[in-house]
């Protein structure tokens, strides 16, 4: 049977949080070093010399990232199947709501981390600083929730049983936690995924539209024609035969 512990959590809750933390760090490190790794291998100039468009090059470089994310879905699917089976008996609606939120987590958050890390890695020339910045964004997202709770309730806030404010749903960590502890409704989680789904669409579109700039590719510009100087008008009487 499913054994509850840690303020109503479960074994599946702990495994889900651990896998999400490992996956976020792995994706951030991998995507932050995409451009710098190509520079180190001296293969980026070769790619930029090909007639392939820069946005297509980025999508090809992201093929490995997509495969890694798909592989990371396997342990999540195992945990989700386990949790779905044991949560199906108390309330069908609660289980369905949990499954929808879990699918949206795996669909939006990993790719959002990937594109943000790629942008930082392309902007920062140093691979070490790019990785540090990407991990800093992930850590800052995690610490944001606890910083907001500390500002609202003070320390130690983890012992309080009071309901969390609705605006705290802006933190992705909050959605993951409240989905595991079954404390959020479908409306608040929908707002969160709509917000971060729009952010994912924007950052992906921005990176693809500015692919030449991010990859350091010289944009070909057609030279504008130089206007010829006006020729002087000759007098017909001067050129007429004598």
Protein backbone atom coordinates (compact mmCIF):
# COMPACT_ATOMS: atom_id res chain seq x y z
CA UNK A 1 0.00 0.00 0.00
CA UNK A 2 0.96 3.61 -0.39
CA UNK A 3 2.63 4.82 2.78
CA UNK A 4 2.28 8.52 3.54
CA UNK A 5 4.97 10.57 5.22
CA UNK A 6 6.52 14.06 5.18
CA UNK A 7 3.38 16.23 5.64
CA UNK A 8 1.15 13.99 3.55
CA UNK A 9 3.68 13.17 0.84
CA UNK A 10 4.60 9.74 -0.43
CA UNK A 11 7.45 7.76 -1.90
CA UNK A 12 6.33 8.80 -5.38
CA UNK A 13 6.41 12.46 -4.26
CA UNK A 14 10.02 12.18 -3.12
CA UNK A 15 11.08 10.34 -6.28
CA UNK A 16 9.30 12.86 -8.49
CA UNK A 17 11.05 15.82 -6.83
CA UNK A 18 14.46 14.14 -6.95
CA UNK A 19 14.09 13.21 -10.63
CA UNK A 20 12.91 16.70 -11.50
CA UNK A 21 15.91 18.26 -9.75
CA UNK A 22 18.38 15.95 -11.49
CA UNK A 23 16.72 16.45 -14.87
CA UNK A 24 16.69 20.24 -14.53
CA UNK A 25 20.41 20.35 -13.70
CA UNK A 26 21.27 17.96 -16.53
CA UNK A 27 19.29 19.92 -19.13
CA UNK A 28 20.68 23.27 -17.94
CA UNK A 29 24.30 22.09 -18.11
CA UNK A 30 23.85 20.41 -21.49
CA UNK A 31 22.07 23.31 -23.20
CA UNK A 32 24.35 25.99 -21.76
CA UNK A 33 27.36 24.33 -23.39
CA UNK A 34 25.89 23.65 -26.85
CA UNK A 35 27.49 26.62 -28.61
CA UNK A 36 30.69 26.59 -26.55
CA UNK A 37 31.12 22.86 -27.19
CA UNK A 38 30.90 23.43 -30.94
CA UNK A 39 33.45 26.22 -30.65
CA UNK A 40 35.81 23.98 -28.69
CA UNK A 41 35.55 21.24 -31.30
CA UNK A 42 36.05 23.87 -34.01
CA UNK A 43 32.95 22.62 -35.79
CA UNK A 44 30.90 25.80 -35.41
CA UNK A 45 32.75 27.68 -38.21
CA UNK A 46 32.15 24.70 -40.49
CA UNK A 47 28.43 24.76 -39.71
CA UNK A 48 28.24 28.49 -40.26
CA UNK A 49 30.01 28.13 -43.62
CA UNK A 50 27.30 25.82 -44.93
CA UNK A 51 24.28 27.23 -46.79
CA UNK A 52 22.02 25.98 -43.98
CA UNK A 53 20.02 28.68 -42.26
CA UNK A 54 21.05 29.62 -38.72
CA UNK A 55 17.68 28.75 -37.18
CA UNK A 56 17.89 25.33 -38.81
CA UNK A 57 21.36 24.85 -37.33
CA UNK A 58 19.99 25.59 -33.86
CA UNK A 59 17.17 23.10 -34.31
CA UNK A 60 19.67 20.46 -35.44
CA UNK A 61 21.85 21.15 -32.40
CA UNK A 62 18.75 20.80 -30.23
CA UNK A 63 18.05 17.32 -31.58
CA UNK A 64 20.27 15.82 -28.90
CA UNK A 65 18.53 17.87 -26.22
CA UNK A 66 15.14 16.60 -27.33
CA UNK A 67 16.36 13.02 -27.17
CA UNK A 68 17.69 13.56 -23.63
CA UNK A 69 14.36 15.03 -22.53
CA UNK A 70 12.48 12.12 -24.07
CA UNK A 71 14.75 9.68 -22.24
CA UNK A 72 14.15 11.55 -18.98
CA UNK A 73 10.43 11.03 -19.49
CA UNK A 74 10.88 7.29 -18.92
CA UNK A 75 11.54 7.44 -15.14
CA UNK A 76 8.87 10.13 -14.81
CA UNK A 77 6.39 7.92 -16.64
CA UNK A 78 7.25 5.07 -14.30
CA UNK A 79 6.66 7.22 -11.23
CA UNK A 80 3.50 8.71 -12.76
CA UNK A 81 2.14 5.26 -13.51
CA UNK A 82 2.82 4.19 -9.95
CA UNK A 83 1.19 7.32 -8.50
CA UNK A 84 -1.74 7.12 -10.91
CA UNK A 85 -2.46 3.54 -9.90
CA UNK A 86 -2.49 4.24 -6.17
CA UNK A 87 -4.27 7.60 -6.40
CA UNK A 88 -7.00 6.30 -8.68
CA UNK A 89 -8.94 4.68 -5.85
CA UNK A 90 -9.70 7.66 -3.53
CA UNK A 91 -11.01 10.15 -6.11
CA UNK A 92 -11.01 9.81 -9.87
CA UNK A 93 -11.13 13.58 -10.40
CA UNK A 94 -8.16 14.18 -8.13
CA UNK A 95 -6.12 11.59 -10.00
CA UNK A 96 -7.09 13.00 -13.38
CA UNK A 97 -6.20 16.51 -12.23
CA UNK A 98 -2.84 15.29 -10.97
CA UNK A 99 -2.08 13.51 -14.24
CA UNK A 100 -2.91 16.56 -16.37
CA UNK A 101 -0.67 18.76 -14.25
CA UNK A 102 2.15 16.19 -14.37
CA UNK A 103 1.98 15.94 -18.17
CA UNK A 104 2.09 19.73 -18.50
CA UNK A 105 5.11 19.86 -16.19
CA UNK A 106 7.06 17.43 -18.36
CA UNK A 107 5.96 19.16 -21.56
CA UNK A 108 6.73 22.80 -20.68
CA UNK A 109 9.31 23.07 -17.90
CA UNK A 110 12.17 20.95 -19.40
CA UNK A 111 12.03 22.74 -22.76
CA UNK A 112 11.79 26.12 -21.04
CA UNK A 113 14.95 25.35 -19.05
CA UNK A 114 16.62 24.16 -22.26
CA UNK A 115 15.93 27.30 -24.30
CA UNK A 116 16.82 29.70 -21.49
CA UNK A 117 20.09 27.84 -20.88
CA UNK A 118 20.84 27.86 -24.60
CA UNK A 119 20.30 31.61 -24.77
CA UNK A 120 22.63 32.20 -21.82
CA UNK A 121 25.22 29.85 -23.31
CA UNK A 122 25.11 31.68 -26.64
CA UNK A 123 25.39 35.11 -25.03
CA UNK A 124 28.19 34.21 -22.62
CA UNK A 125 31.33 33.19 -24.47
CA UNK A 126 32.82 31.36 -21.50
CA UNK A 127 31.33 27.85 -21.10
CA UNK A 128 31.94 27.87 -17.35
CA UNK A 129 30.09 31.13 -16.82
CA UNK A 130 27.29 29.94 -19.09
CA UNK A 131 26.82 26.81 -16.99
CA UNK A 132 27.00 28.81 -13.76
CA UNK A 133 24.41 31.29 -15.07
CA UNK A 134 22.07 28.49 -16.17
CA UNK A 135 22.33 26.71 -12.83
CA UNK A 136 21.82 30.06 -11.12
CA UNK A 137 18.55 30.55 -12.99
CA UNK A 138 17.36 27.09 -11.96
CA UNK A 139 18.42 27.62 -8.34
CA UNK A 140 16.88 31.09 -8.30
CA UNK A 141 13.57 29.68 -9.51
CA UNK A 142 13.61 27.17 -6.67
CA UNK A 143 14.61 29.71 -4.04
CA UNK A 144 12.02 32.21 -5.27
CA UNK A 145 9.18 30.25 -3.71
CA UNK A 146 10.87 29.99 -0.32
CA UNK A 147 11.88 33.64 -0.38
CA UNK A 148 8.26 34.66 -1.02
CA UNK A 149 7.05 32.38 1.77
CA UNK A 150 9.62 33.86 4.13
CA UNK A 151 8.45 37.37 3.24
CA UNK A 152 4.79 36.45 3.90
CA UNK A 153 5.00 34.20 6.95
CA UNK A 154 8.48 34.74 8.29
CA UNK A 155 10.70 31.98 9.61
CA UNK A 156 10.17 29.12 10.23
CA UNK A 157 7.44 29.10 7.57
CA UNK A 158 7.62 25.34 6.89
CA UNK A 159 5.76 24.56 10.12
CA UNK A 160 2.73 26.65 9.23
CA UNK A 161 -0.45 24.98 8.07
CA UNK A 162 -1.99 28.17 6.66
CA UNK A 163 -2.96 28.08 2.97
CA UNK A 164 -0.45 29.64 0.64
CA UNK A 165 -1.39 32.82 -1.25
CA UNK A 166 -2.80 32.36 -4.74
CA UNK A 167 -0.16 34.62 -6.30
CA UNK A 168 2.52 32.15 -5.20
CA UNK A 169 1.44 30.01 -8.15
CA UNK A 170 3.81 32.07 -10.34
CA UNK A 171 6.64 29.86 -9.11
CA UNK A 172 7.09 26.60 -11.07
CA UNK A 173 8.28 24.88 -7.89
CA UNK A 174 4.97 25.71 -6.22
CA UNK A 175 3.03 23.95 -8.97
CA UNK A 176 5.18 20.84 -8.66
CA UNK A 177 4.82 20.73 -4.89
CA UNK A 178 1.11 21.47 -4.66
CA UNK A 179 0.40 18.93 -7.37
CA UNK A 180 2.14 16.27 -5.32
CA UNK A 181 0.39 17.27 -2.10
CA UNK A 182 -2.97 17.77 -3.91
CA UNK A 183 -3.57 21.29 -2.63
CA UNK A 184 -4.12 23.19 -5.90
CA UNK A 185 -7.06 23.49 -8.21
CA UNK A 186 -7.05 23.20 -11.95
CA UNK A 187 -7.62 26.92 -12.42
CA UNK A 188 -4.45 28.11 -10.69
CA UNK A 189 -2.28 25.50 -12.35
CA UNK A 190 -3.75 26.45 -15.74
CA UNK A 191 -2.72 30.06 -15.14
CA UNK A 192 0.81 28.93 -14.33
CA UNK A 193 1.19 26.74 -17.40
CA UNK A 194 -0.34 29.42 -19.63
CA UNK A 195 2.22 31.89 -18.30
CA UNK A 196 5.25 29.65 -18.69
CA UNK A 197 3.98 28.13 -21.92
CA UNK A 198 3.83 31.64 -23.39
CA UNK A 199 7.32 32.31 -22.05
CA UNK A 200 8.57 29.12 -23.71
CA UNK A 201 7.00 30.13 -27.03
CA UNK A 202 8.53 33.61 -26.80
CA UNK A 203 12.08 32.55 -25.86
CA UNK A 204 12.12 29.85 -28.55
CA UNK A 205 10.86 32.26 -31.18
CA UNK A 206 13.37 34.89 -30.09
CA UNK A 207 16.31 32.49 -30.31
CA UNK A 208 15.30 31.29 -33.75
CA UNK A 209 14.66 34.79 -35.10
CA UNK A 210 18.03 36.02 -33.78
CA UNK A 211 19.91 32.85 -34.66
CA UNK A 212 22.53 34.69 -36.75
CA UNK A 213 23.36 36.96 -33.84
CA UNK A 214 23.47 34.18 -31.25
CA UNK A 215 25.71 31.96 -33.36
CA UNK A 216 27.98 34.81 -34.40
CA UNK A 217 27.18 34.50 -38.05
CA UNK A 218 27.73 37.47 -40.35
CA UNK A 219 24.43 38.43 -41.90
CA UNK A 220 24.69 38.87 -45.63
CA UNK A 221 23.54 42.29 -46.72
CA UNK A 222 23.11 43.13 -50.35
CA UNK A 223 25.07 46.29 -51.14
CA UNK A 224 22.89 49.17 -52.14
CA UNK A 225 23.63 50.54 -55.62
CA UNK A 226 25.73 53.69 -55.65
CA UNK A 227 24.01 56.43 -57.64
CA UNK A 228 25.99 57.56 -60.65
CA UNK A 229 26.92 61.23 -60.85
CA UNK A 230 24.76 63.34 -63.11
CA UNK A 231 26.26 63.90 -66.53
CA UNK A 232 26.51 67.49 -67.72
CA UNK A 233 24.08 68.47 -70.44
CA UNK A 234 25.93 69.35 -73.60
CA UNK A 235 24.84 72.23 -75.79
CA UNK A 236 23.55 70.91 -79.10
CA UNK A 237 25.13 73.87 -80.92
CA UNK A 238 28.55 73.00 -79.48
CA UNK A 239 28.41 69.46 -80.74
CA UNK A 240 26.79 70.29 -84.09
CA UNK A 241 29.10 69.90 -87.14
CA UNK A 242 30.48 73.09 -88.57
